[in-house]
Amino acid sequence: MKAHPLLILASFLSMTYLQSAIKTCFFIPPKNWVYCDQKSAEKKETIAFVSPKKLKTITPTIAYDIKPNSVSANDYVKSALKLLNQDRNHTCISLGSLQIDSHHAELLQIDQKMPIGKVTLLQLVIFDQDTVHILSAPTLESDFHRYDSDILETFKSAQLISSPLDVLNHAPLLRSKLSSAMDSFCSTAKQFQSTPLKLYKNALISESKQIESILLNDCKEYGTYFPILTINYLNDYVQNLSPTPDVVQNENN
C-alpha cells in the first residue's frame, strides 16, 4: 500500500509550536476542508484548513496561530476592541466568553471593509498562562451565513493538549494502541540515529506503517488535523535527536 503523504515521516518536517513546552490546540476542521500550508506575516508556519469550494475572492479558512501574551483576558479584549474600532474600516465586537477545558476563551467578531467587499472574521482566543491560542475564520459577509455553523462547531471542538494522545483520553484502548506504536517509532528513531541516513529513513518508514494504519482507520472521527498533529509531534521528536557525524555526512553527500 502506498504511504499516505502525511505519513512519510522521513521528510522530517517540524512545527515550531511543538518544539517547546507550550501546549498546542487541537480542533476538528469542517468535513472535507483541506489542509493548507501557510506562512504568517512573521514567516512562521501556520496551521490552516480551507473550504473545498474555492471562491473568486476569499475562500473560507480556519487558521490556527500562537502568540505571546502578558495581559489578562479582560485587558486583551479591551485592547483589541479599542485598537480595531478606532479604524473606520474595522468593527470589532465581543460575542462573549466561554470555557475551553479549564481555560478561559473569548469569541470576537471583526468586520472589515475591503476592496473585494466586507469581510467577517470570527476569532476564538484561548488564554493559557503567557500565551494565547487563536483560531481565526474569515469569510465574505455575504457568505457568512453558509459557513458560520461549521466554523462554530470547529471552535467548540477546540482543546489545549500537550500531546496528541491527550485527544484520546476518553478512548483508553485506542490511546494505548497509538501510544504503543508511537513509543516503538521513537525507540527505533533513537536506536538508528547513529546509522547511515538511508538506513535511518528506511527504519522510520517501516515503523510508521502501524501508525499510518491506526490514524487512517481508527481515528477518522477526530478529523483531518489529528494525523497531521501526530506526525508533526513525532517529527519533532526526530528533529530533537542529536544527529551523529555519520548521519550528517551522509545527508550532505
C-alpha atoms as a PDB file:
ATOM      1  CA  MET A   1       0.000   0.000   0.000  1.00  0.00           C
ATOM      2  CA  LYS A   2       1.320   3.398  -0.937  1.00  0.00           C
ATOM      3  CA  ALA A   3       2.178   5.501   2.103  1.00  0.00           C
ATOM      4  CA  HIS A   4      -0.167   8.373   2.830  1.00  0.00           C
ATOM      5  CA  PRO A   5       1.617  11.695   2.102  1.00  0.00           C
ATOM      6  CA  LEU A   6       1.012  12.888   5.656  1.00  0.00           C
ATOM      7  CA  LEU A   7       2.745   9.819   6.985  1.00  0.00           C
ATOM      8  CA  ILE A   8       6.097   9.938   5.218  1.00  0.00           C
ATOM      9  CA  LEU A   9       7.932  10.543   8.452  1.00  0.00           C
ATOM     10  CA  ALA A  10      11.344  10.611   6.835  1.00  0.00           C
ATOM     11  CA  SER A  11      10.549  14.047   5.421  1.00  0.00           C
ATOM     12  CA  PHE A  12      11.367  15.376   8.915  1.00  0.00           C
ATOM     13  CA  LEU A  13       9.003  18.335   8.824  1.00  0.00           C
ATOM     14  CA  SER A  14       8.888  20.274  12.074  1.00  0.00           C
ATOM     15  CA  MET A  15       6.340  22.664  13.562  1.00  0.00           C
ATOM     16  CA  THR A  16       7.797  25.285  15.874  1.00  0.00           C
ATOM     17  CA  TYR A  17       4.918  25.254  18.338  1.00  0.00           C
ATOM     18  CA  LEU A  18       5.658  21.606  19.127  1.00  0.00           C
ATOM     19  CA  GLN A  19       9.319  22.301  19.825  1.00  0.00           C
ATOM     20  CA  SER A  20       8.621  23.880  23.205  1.00  0.00           C
ATOM     21  CA  ALA A  21       6.758  23.184  26.397  1.00  0.00           C
ATOM     22  CA  ILE A  22       3.863  25.343  25.172  1.00  0.00           C
ATOM     23  CA  LYS A  23       0.633  23.464  24.653  1.00  0.00           C
ATOM     24  CA  THR A  24      -0.963  23.299  21.232  1.00  0.00           C
ATOM     25  CA  CYS A  25      -4.604  23.497  20.235  1.00  0.00           C
ATOM     26  CA  PHE A  26      -6.400  20.523  18.738  1.00  0.00           C
ATOM     27  CA  PHE A  27      -9.603  21.062  16.781  1.00  0.00           C
ATOM     28  CA  ILE A  28     -11.745  19.202  14.264  1.00  0.00           C
ATOM     29  CA  PRO A  29     -11.993  21.094  10.950  1.00  0.00           C
ATOM     30  CA  PRO A  30     -15.255  21.089   8.995  1.00  0.00           C
ATOM     31  CA  LYS A  31     -15.811  17.956   6.934  1.00  0.00           C
ATOM     32  CA  ASN A  32     -13.937  17.910   3.615  1.00  0.00           C
ATOM     33  CA  TRP A  33     -11.985  21.079   4.390  1.00  0.00           C
ATOM     34  CA  VAL A  34      -8.417  20.779   3.136  1.00  0.00           C
ATOM     35  CA  TYR A  35      -5.157  21.299   4.996  1.00  0.00           C
ATOM     36  CA  CYS A  36      -3.150  24.186   3.598  1.00  0.00           C
ATOM     37  CA  ASP A  37       0.462  25.221   4.231  1.00  0.00           C
ATOM     38  CA  GLN A  38       0.590  28.892   5.099  1.00  0.00           C
ATOM     39  CA  LYS A  39       3.203  31.386   6.211  1.00  0.00           C
ATOM     40  CA  SER A  40       2.217  34.138   8.588  1.00  0.00           C
ATOM     41  CA  ALA A  41       3.472  37.710   8.362  1.00  0.00           C
ATOM     42  CA  GLU A  42       6.249  36.692  10.768  1.00  0.00           C
ATOM     43  CA  LYS A  43       7.351  33.995   8.259  1.00  0.00           C
ATOM     44  CA  LYS A  44       6.428  31.174  10.606  1.00  0.00           C
ATOM     45  CA  GLU A  45       4.284  28.202   9.727  1.00  0.00           C
ATOM     46  CA  THR A  46       0.570  28.469  10.426  1.00  0.00           C
ATOM     47  CA  ILE A  47      -1.890  25.601  10.544  1.00  0.00           C
ATOM     48  CA  ALA A  48      -4.833  26.294   8.230  1.00  0.00           C
ATOM     49  CA  PHE A  49      -7.764  24.481   6.653  1.00  0.00           C
ATOM     50  CA  VAL A  50      -9.722  25.847   3.702  1.00  0.00           C
ATOM     51  CA  SER A  51     -13.147  25.112   2.292  1.00  0.00           C
ATOM     52  CA  PRO A  52     -13.059  22.759  -0.731  1.00  0.00           C
ATOM     53  CA  LYS A  53     -15.289  25.242  -2.544  1.00  0.00           C
ATOM     54  CA  LYS A  54     -12.878  27.886  -3.767  1.00  0.00           C
ATOM     55  CA  LEU A  55     -14.445  31.297  -4.283  1.00  0.00           C
ATOM     56  CA  LYS A  56     -13.258  34.089  -6.547  1.00  0.00           C
ATOM     57  CA  THR A  57     -12.498  36.437  -3.671  1.00  0.00           C
ATOM     58  CA  ILE A  58     -11.969  34.887  -0.233  1.00  0.00           C
ATOM     59  CA  THR A  59     -12.118  31.144   0.317  1.00  0.00           C
ATOM     60  CA  PRO A  60     -13.426  30.413   3.831  1.00  0.00           C
ATOM     61  CA  THR A  61     -10.490  29.431   6.033  1.00  0.00           C
ATOM     62  CA  ILE A  62      -9.810  28.364   9.608  1.00  0.00           C
ATOM     63  CA  ALA A  63      -6.266  29.198  10.693  1.00  0.00           C
ATOM     64  CA  TYR A  64      -4.502  28.487  13.968  1.00  0.00           C
ATOM     65  CA  ASP A  65      -1.687  30.509  15.469  1.00  0.00           C
ATOM     66  CA  ILE A  66       0.010  31.070  18.829  1.00  0.00           C
ATOM     67  CA  LYS A  67       1.131  34.415  20.197  1.00  0.00           C
ATOM     68  CA  PRO A  68       2.809  35.510  23.438  1.00  0.00           C
ATOM     69  CA  ASN A  69       0.560  37.392  25.853  1.00  0.00           C
ATOM     70  CA  SER A  70       1.229  39.228  29.101  1.00  0.00           C
ATOM     71  CA  VAL A  71      -2.186  40.687  29.947  1.00  0.00           C
ATOM     72  CA  SER A  72      -5.447  39.358  31.373  1.00  0.00           C
ATOM     73  CA  ALA A  73      -8.252  38.160  29.123  1.00  0.00           C
ATOM     74  CA  ASN A  74     -10.283  41.236  30.015  1.00  0.00           C
ATOM     75  CA  ASP A  75      -7.435  43.609  29.129  1.00  0.00           C
ATOM     76  CA  TYR A  76      -6.718  41.677  25.929  1.00  0.00           C
ATOM     77  CA  VAL A  77     -10.305  42.083  24.723  1.00  0.00           C
ATOM     78  CA  LYS A  78     -10.434  45.761  25.731  1.00  0.00           C
ATOM     79  CA  SER A  79      -7.219  46.417  23.823  1.00  0.00           C
ATOM     80  CA  ALA A  80      -8.463  44.585  20.719  1.00  0.00           C
ATOM     81  CA  LEU A  81     -11.770  46.456  20.735  1.00  0.00           C
ATOM     82  CA  LYS A  82     -10.051  49.819  21.211  1.00  0.00           C
ATOM     83  CA  LEU A  83      -7.395  49.198  18.557  1.00  0.00           C
ATOM     84  CA  LEU A  84      -9.715  47.875  15.853  1.00  0.00           C
ATOM     85  CA  ASN A  85     -12.674  50.177  16.454  1.00  0.00           C
ATOM     86  CA  GLN A  86     -10.559  53.305  16.083  1.00  0.00           C
ATOM     87  CA  ASP A  87     -10.032  52.324  12.433  1.00  0.00           C
ATOM     88  CA  ARG A  88     -13.098  53.287  10.406  1.00  0.00           C
ATOM     89  CA  ASN A  89     -12.583  50.246   8.157  1.00  0.00           C
ATOM     90  CA  HIS A  90     -12.922  47.844  11.102  1.00  0.00           C
ATOM     91  CA  THR A  91     -15.655  46.974  13.568  1.00  0.00           C
ATOM     92  CA  CYS A  92     -14.849  44.599  16.428  1.00  0.00           C
ATOM     93  CA  ILE A  93     -17.348  43.237  18.941  1.00  0.00           C
ATOM     94  CA  SER A  94     -17.105  40.669  21.706  1.00  0.00           C
ATOM     95  CA  LEU A  95     -19.535  37.757  21.364  1.00  0.00           C
ATOM     96  CA  GLY A  96     -18.859  36.608  24.906  1.00  0.00           C
ATOM     97  CA  SER A  97     -16.583  34.343  26.913  1.00  0.00           C
ATOM     98  CA  LEU A  98     -16.543  30.568  27.261  1.00  0.00           C
ATOM     99  CA  GLN A  99     -14.507  27.745  28.779  1.00  0.00           C
ATOM    100  CA  ILE A 100     -12.258  25.518  26.665  1.00  0.00           C
ATOM    101  CA  ASP A 101     -11.497  22.677  29.062  1.00  0.00           C
ATOM    102  CA  SER A 102     -10.274  24.649  32.098  1.00  0.00           C
ATOM    103  CA  HIS A 103      -9.077  27.597  30.018  1.00  0.00           C
ATOM    104  CA  HIS A 104     -10.798  30.941  29.599  1.00  0.00           C
ATOM    105  CA  ALA A 105     -11.619  31.860  25.995  1.00  0.00           C
ATOM    106  CA  GLU A 106     -13.137  34.843  24.214  1.00  0.00           C
ATOM    107  CA  LEU A 107     -15.103  34.908  20.965  1.00  0.00           C
ATOM    108  CA  LEU A 108     -14.656  38.008  18.813  1.00  0.00           C
ATOM    109  CA  GLN A 109     -16.225  39.145  15.561  1.00  0.00           C
ATOM    110  CA  ILE A 110     -14.249  41.529  13.372  1.00  0.00           C
ATOM    111  CA  ASP A 111     -15.808  43.113  10.295  1.00  0.00           C
ATOM    112  CA  GLN A 112     -13.509  44.774   7.801  1.00  0.00           C
ATOM    113  CA  LYS A 113     -14.235  46.826   4.691  1.00  0.00           C
ATOM    114  CA  MET A 114     -12.019  45.744   1.812  1.00  0.00           C
ATOM    115  CA  PRO A 115     -11.976  46.432  -1.963  1.00  0.00           C
ATOM    116  CA  ILE A 116     -13.421  42.956  -2.567  1.00  0.00           C
ATOM    117  CA  GLY A 117     -16.289  43.601  -0.139  1.00  0.00           C
ATOM    118  CA  LYS A 118     -16.999  43.352   3.556  1.00  0.00           C
ATOM    119  CA  VAL A 119     -15.157  40.520   5.326  1.00  0.00           C
ATOM    120  CA  THR A 120     -16.357  38.929   8.551  1.00  0.00           C
ATOM    121  CA  LEU A 121     -13.758  37.290  10.777  1.00  0.00           C
ATOM    122  CA  LEU A 122     -14.726  35.073  13.701  1.00  0.00           C
ATOM    123  CA  GLN A 123     -11.900  34.621  16.172  1.00  0.00           C
ATOM    124  CA  LEU A 124     -11.618  32.275  19.154  1.00  0.00           C
ATOM    125  CA  VAL A 125      -8.908  33.363  21.590  1.00  0.00           C
ATOM    126  CA  ILE A 126      -7.888  30.812  24.245  1.00  0.00           C
ATOM    127  CA  PHE A 127      -5.779  32.024  27.165  1.00  0.00           C
ATOM    128  CA  ASP A 128      -3.073  29.811  28.644  1.00  0.00           C
ATOM    129  CA  GLN A 129      -0.639  31.445  31.065  1.00  0.00           C
ATOM    130  CA  ASP A 130       1.586  33.757  28.959  1.00  0.00           C
ATOM    131  CA  THR A 131       0.234  32.507  25.631  1.00  0.00           C
ATOM    132  CA  VAL A 132      -2.886  32.942  23.525  1.00  0.00           C
ATOM    133  CA  HIS A 133      -4.068  30.300  21.058  1.00  0.00           C
ATOM    134  CA  ILE A 134      -6.052  31.870  18.239  1.00  0.00           C
ATOM    135  CA  LEU A 135      -8.425  30.248  15.758  1.00  0.00           C
ATOM    136  CA  SER A 136      -9.372  32.710  13.012  1.00  0.00           C
ATOM    137  CA  ALA A 137     -12.035  32.181  10.351  1.00  0.00           C
ATOM    138  CA  PRO A 138     -12.543  34.839   7.644  1.00  0.00           C
ATOM    139  CA  THR A 139     -15.370  34.798   5.099  1.00  0.00           C
ATOM    140  CA  LEU A 140     -17.076  37.371   2.952  1.00  0.00           C
ATOM    141  CA  GLU A 141     -20.006  38.824   4.865  1.00  0.00           C
ATOM    142  CA  SER A 142     -22.314  37.673   2.056  1.00  0.00           C
ATOM    143  CA  ASP A 143     -21.079  34.076   2.522  1.00  0.00           C
ATOM    144  CA  PHE A 144     -21.022  34.122   6.309  1.00  0.00           C
ATOM    145  CA  HIS A 145     -24.457  32.528   6.811  1.00  0.00           C
ATOM    146  CA  ARG A 146     -23.331  29.491   4.794  1.00  0.00           C
ATOM    147  CA  TYR A 147     -20.270  28.792   6.934  1.00  0.00           C
ATOM    148  CA  ASP A 148     -20.908  30.164  10.421  1.00  0.00           C
ATOM    149  CA  SER A 149     -22.310  26.913  11.855  1.00  0.00           C
ATOM    150  CA  ASP A 150     -19.345  24.863  10.566  1.00  0.00           C
ATOM    151  CA  ILE A 151     -16.902  27.405  11.970  1.00  0.00           C
ATOM    152  CA  LEU A 152     -18.568  27.474  15.379  1.00  0.00           C
ATOM    153  CA  GLU A 153     -18.627  23.663  15.509  1.00  0.00           C
ATOM    154  CA  THR A 154     -14.882  23.658  14.902  1.00  0.00           C
ATOM    155  CA  PHE A 155     -14.406  26.264  17.638  1.00  0.00           C
ATOM    156  CA  LYS A 156     -16.438  24.108  20.050  1.00  0.00           C
ATOM    157  CA  SER A 157     -14.163  21.124  19.333  1.00  0.00           C
ATOM    158  CA  ALA A 158     -11.028  23.020  20.418  1.00  0.00           C
ATOM    159  CA  GLN A 159      -8.925  21.750  23.299  1.00  0.00           C
ATOM    160  CA  LEU A 160      -5.411  22.502  24.512  1.00  0.00           C
ATOM    161  CA  ILE A 161      -3.135  19.469  24.625  1.00  0.00           C
ATOM    162  CA  SER A 162       0.451  18.602  25.486  1.00  0.00           C
ATOM    163  CA  SER A 163       0.490  15.509  23.268  1.00  0.00           C
ATOM    164  CA  PRO A 164      -1.788  14.099  20.520  1.00  0.00           C
ATOM    165  CA  LEU A 165      -2.541  11.255  22.918  1.00  0.00           C
ATOM    166  CA  ASP A 166      -4.429  13.732  25.132  1.00  0.00           C
ATOM    167  CA  VAL A 167      -7.128  13.827  22.437  1.00  0.00           C
ATOM    168  CA  LEU A 168      -7.790  10.134  23.101  1.00  0.00           C
ATOM    169  CA  ASN A 169      -8.101  10.320  26.884  1.00  0.00           C
ATOM    170  CA  HIS A 170     -11.757   9.305  26.662  1.00  0.00           C
ATOM    171  CA  ALA A 171     -10.856   6.293  24.452  1.00  0.00           C
ATOM    172  CA  PRO A 172      -8.291   4.405  26.592  1.00  0.00           C
ATOM    173  CA  LEU A 173      -7.952   1.344  24.325  1.00  0.00           C
ATOM    174  CA  LEU A 174      -7.276   3.445  21.226  1.00  0.00           C
ATOM    175  CA  ARG A 175      -4.967   5.696  23.231  1.00  0.00           C
ATOM    176  CA  SER A 176      -2.985   2.675  24.409  1.00  0.00           C
ATOM    177  CA  LYS A 177      -2.785   1.303  20.871  1.00  0.00           C
ATOM    178  CA  LEU A 178      -1.498   4.525  19.363  1.00  0.00           C
ATOM    179  CA  SER A 179       0.806   5.163  22.320  1.00  0.00           C
ATOM    180  CA  SER A 180       2.449   1.783  21.845  1.00  0.00           C
ATOM    181  CA  ALA A 181       3.034   2.443  18.135  1.00  0.00           C
ATOM    182  CA  MET A 182       4.437   5.921  18.841  1.00  0.00           C
ATOM    183  CA  ASP A 183       6.736   4.566  21.551  1.00  0.00           C
ATOM    184  CA  SER A 184       8.029   1.964  19.124  1.00  0.00           C
ATOM    185  CA  PHE A 185       8.687   4.638  16.497  1.00  0.00           C
ATOM    186  CA  CYS A 186      10.564   6.856  18.968  1.00  0.00           C
ATOM    187  CA  SER A 187      12.594   3.910  20.230  1.00  0.00           C
ATOM    188  CA  THR A 188      13.582   2.992  16.668  1.00  0.00           C
ATOM    189  CA  ALA A 189      14.495   6.604  15.867  1.00  0.00           C
ATOM    190  CA  LYS A 190      16.820   6.673  18.853  1.00  0.00           C
ATOM    191  CA  GLN A 191      18.260   3.230  18.088  1.00  0.00           C
ATOM    192  CA  PHE A 192      19.039   4.036  14.443  1.00  0.00           C
ATOM    193  CA  GLN A 193      20.202   7.642  14.842  1.00  0.00           C
ATOM    194  CA  SER A 194      23.846   6.558  14.575  1.00  0.00           C
ATOM    195  CA  THR A 195      23.347   4.668  11.317  1.00  0.00           C
ATOM    196  CA  PRO A 196      23.702   5.975   7.744  1.00  0.00           C
ATOM    197  CA  LEU A 197      20.850   8.241   6.684  1.00  0.00           C
ATOM    198  CA  LYS A 198      19.293   5.840   4.165  1.00  0.00           C
ATOM    199  CA  LEU A 199      19.079   3.054   6.745  1.00  0.00           C
ATOM    200  CA  TYR A 200      17.751   5.538   9.292  1.00  0.00           C
ATOM    201  CA  LYS A 201      14.967   6.692   6.958  1.00  0.00           C
ATOM    202  CA  ASN A 202      14.012   3.161   5.977  1.00  0.00           C
ATOM    203  CA  ALA A 203      13.719   2.160   9.634  1.00  0.00           C
ATOM    204  CA  LEU A 204      11.425   5.106  10.371  1.00  0.00           C
ATOM    205  CA  ILE A 205       9.237   4.481   7.332  1.00  0.00           C
ATOM    206  CA  SER A 206       8.882   0.859   8.346  1.00  0.00           C
ATOM    207  CA  GLU A 207       7.854   1.873  11.873  1.00  0.00           C
ATOM    208  CA  SER A 208       5.410   4.453  10.521  1.00  0.00           C
ATOM    209  CA  LYS A 209       3.223   1.842   8.818  1.00  0.00           C
ATOM    210  CA  GLN A 210       1.491   0.797  12.041  1.00  0.00           C
ATOM    211  CA  ILE A 211       0.914   4.428  12.965  1.00  0.00           C
ATOM    212  CA  GLU A 212      -0.438   5.066   9.471  1.00  0.00           C
ATOM    213  CA  SER A 213      -2.929   2.246   9.830  1.00  0.00           C
ATOM    214  CA  ILE A 214      -4.144   3.458  13.225  1.00  0.00           C
ATOM    215  CA  LEU A 215      -4.510   7.072  12.162  1.00  0.00           C
ATOM    216  CA  LEU A 216      -6.288   6.378   8.898  1.00  0.00           C
ATOM    217  CA  ASN A 217      -8.520   3.525  10.056  1.00  0.00           C
ATOM    218  CA  ASP A 218      -9.187   4.036  13.764  1.00  0.00           C
ATOM    219  CA  CYS A 219      -9.070   7.806  14.181  1.00  0.00           C
ATOM    220  CA  LYS A 220     -11.384   9.086  11.441  1.00  0.00           C
ATOM    221  CA  GLU A 221     -13.788  10.690  13.923  1.00  0.00           C
ATOM    222  CA  TYR A 222     -11.019  13.049  15.076  1.00  0.00           C
ATOM    223  CA  GLY A 223     -10.811  14.792  11.718  1.00  0.00           C
ATOM    224  CA  THR A 224      -8.027  15.557   9.282  1.00  0.00           C
ATOM    225  CA  TYR A 225      -5.946  17.614  11.706  1.00  0.00           C
ATOM    226  CA  PHE A 226      -5.279  14.716  14.082  1.00  0.00           C
ATOM    227  CA  PRO A 227      -2.951  12.761  11.718  1.00  0.00           C
ATOM    228  CA  ILE A 228      -1.057  15.957  10.915  1.00  0.00           C
ATOM    229  CA  LEU A 229      -0.711  16.801  14.595  1.00  0.00           C
ATOM    230  CA  THR A 230       0.518  13.306  15.435  1.00  0.00           C
ATOM    231  CA  ILE A 231       3.060  13.207  12.607  1.00  0.00           C
ATOM    232  CA  ASN A 232       4.392  16.651  13.479  1.00  0.00           C
ATOM    233  CA  TYR A 233       4.745  15.544  17.084  1.00  0.00           C
ATOM    234  CA  LEU A 234       6.820  12.518  16.056  1.00  0.00           C
ATOM    235  CA  ASN A 235       8.874  14.540  13.599  1.00  0.00           C
ATOM    236  CA  ASP A 236       9.619  16.976  16.395  1.00  0.00           C
ATOM    237  CA  TYR A 237      10.995  14.077  18.423  1.00  0.00           C
ATOM    238  CA  VAL A 238      13.213  13.075  15.493  1.00  0.00           C
ATOM    239  CA  GLN A 239      14.425  16.639  14.991  1.00  0.00           C
ATOM    240  CA  ASN A 240      15.447  16.896  18.629  1.00  0.00           C
ATOM    241  CA  LEU A 241      17.639  13.808  18.453  1.00  0.00           C
ATOM    242  CA  SER A 242      21.248  14.877  18.034  1.00  0.00           C
ATOM    243  CA  PRO A 243      22.459  13.581  14.646  1.00  0.00           C
ATOM    244  CA  THR A 244      25.761  11.757  14.615  1.00  0.00           C
ATOM    245  CA  PRO A 245      28.613  12.811  12.282  1.00  0.00           C
ATOM    246  CA  ASP A 246      27.885   9.728  10.155  1.00  0.00           C
ATOM    247  CA  VAL A 247      24.285  10.809   9.585  1.00  0.00           C
ATOM    248  CA  VAL A 248      25.257  14.412   8.865  1.00  0.00           C
ATOM    249  CA  GLN A 249      27.982  13.350   6.459  1.00  0.00           C
ATOM    250  CA  ASN A 250      25.624  11.041   4.545  1.00  0.00           C
ATOM    251  CA  GLU A 251      22.981  13.751   4.421  1.00  0.00           C
ATOM    252  CA  ASN A 252      25.381  16.216   2.843  1.00  0.00           C
ATOM    253  CA  ASN A 253      26.528  13.764   0.191  1.00  0.00           C
END
